[in-house]
Amino acid sequence: MATSQNKKVSVVVPSYNYARYIEKRLDSIVRQTYPIYELIVLDDCSSDNSVEVIERKLAKINKQYPEIKTRIVKNEKNSGKAMRQWKKGFELATGDYVWIAEADDLSSRKFLTEVMRGFDDPDVVISYTESMIINKMGLMVAPNFRWSRDKEKSGHYKRSYIKDGKDEIREIMAIRCTIPNVSSVVIKRDKNYLKYLDEALEFTQVGDWYFYVKILEGGKIAYNRKSLNKFRVHSGSVTGKSKKGDKHYNEVEKMHDYFAREYDLGDSVLKAMKNERERIKARLR
C-alpha cells in the first residue's frame, strides 16, 4: 500500500488580484515538509500586476525546486465563479490528490504532512485540518473555527477522526457546511468529481457545501484538529454571513430539504437545521 509520503499532490492556486499575497502563498506551498508533485496557478484575469508577480516567482521556484512541475494558466475573461476555477484545477491536475490552495491564505509547513496521513486509510476521499483565522496583515484573529461549525456544542471536534462520509453528513454536515475553507482540504482526485463541480455551479452561495457532500457520499472523511491552515478574512467581510441573504437562505433550505429526504436524521439534527435557517433569516431582518 502506498504510504503518505509517495502520493502525488497537485496544488491548484486560484488567484484574482492578489499580487500582494501570492509570493508568500507560493512560498508556504513549496516549503511544505511533504513533497509537492505539481503546482498550477490559475489567474482569473487579474487587473493588478498578479501575472507578472506570479511568473517571476514561478521562475525562481523552478530553479530552487526543479522537481516540482509548475505552470500558470491565465483566463482571458474573469470566470465569475470560484467553482469554475476549482473545476479547471481538477481538469488540469495530473496528481493523485488535489489541494486547492487559495492565493490569499497561508499554511503551516507541516500542513500537507499532517493532512496526507488521513489517506493512509484507502477509503478516505477528503482529508482536512482545522483552520485559524488571520487578518489582512497575517495576524491571528481566532485560533480555530470550531466555535462556528459546532454551534450546538456537540463536541464533534474534540479530537481528530476518520469517519464514514455519510455518517459525517447525518451527524453534522447536514446542518451547515462544516468545512469552512477549501485551503484546509486535500481531495482524492476522481474524474467523477467534475460532474459534481458542474452541479455545484447551479448554486451561487453554497456550491462548496454541495461539492463536499457529493464526494463524502462515496467515501470517508479525515479531520485533523490542528490549526495548520490560515484562512485570511479581509476587512469588511463577515465569515458565515452572505451578502445576498435571500438567495443564501433559499440555497441552505434546498440543501436541508435534500438531507431530510435522503437521510434518516435524528431529531436533534433536524432541530439544529431549523435553528440554522432561523439564524440566517434573523440576519435578513
Foldseek 3Di string as FASTA:
>chain_A
DDALQPFAEEEEEEDAQVLVQQLQAVVLVCLAPRHYAEYEYEYQCHPDCNVVSVVVSVVVCCVVPVNYHYDYHYDPHGPPAPLVSVLVSLVPDDTQKYQYAYRNKHFASHLSVVQSNLCVPVQAFKTFEFAFEAESVRHTPGQGCPCPQPVVPPCPPVAWDKFQLVVCCQPGLLQDNNPQDSNRMMGGRDPCLSVLSVVLVVARACSVSSSSSVSSVRGMYTYHHHHGIYHYDYPPDDRPADPPLVSNLVVSVVSNVVCVVPHDHDPVSVVSNVVSSVVSVVVVD
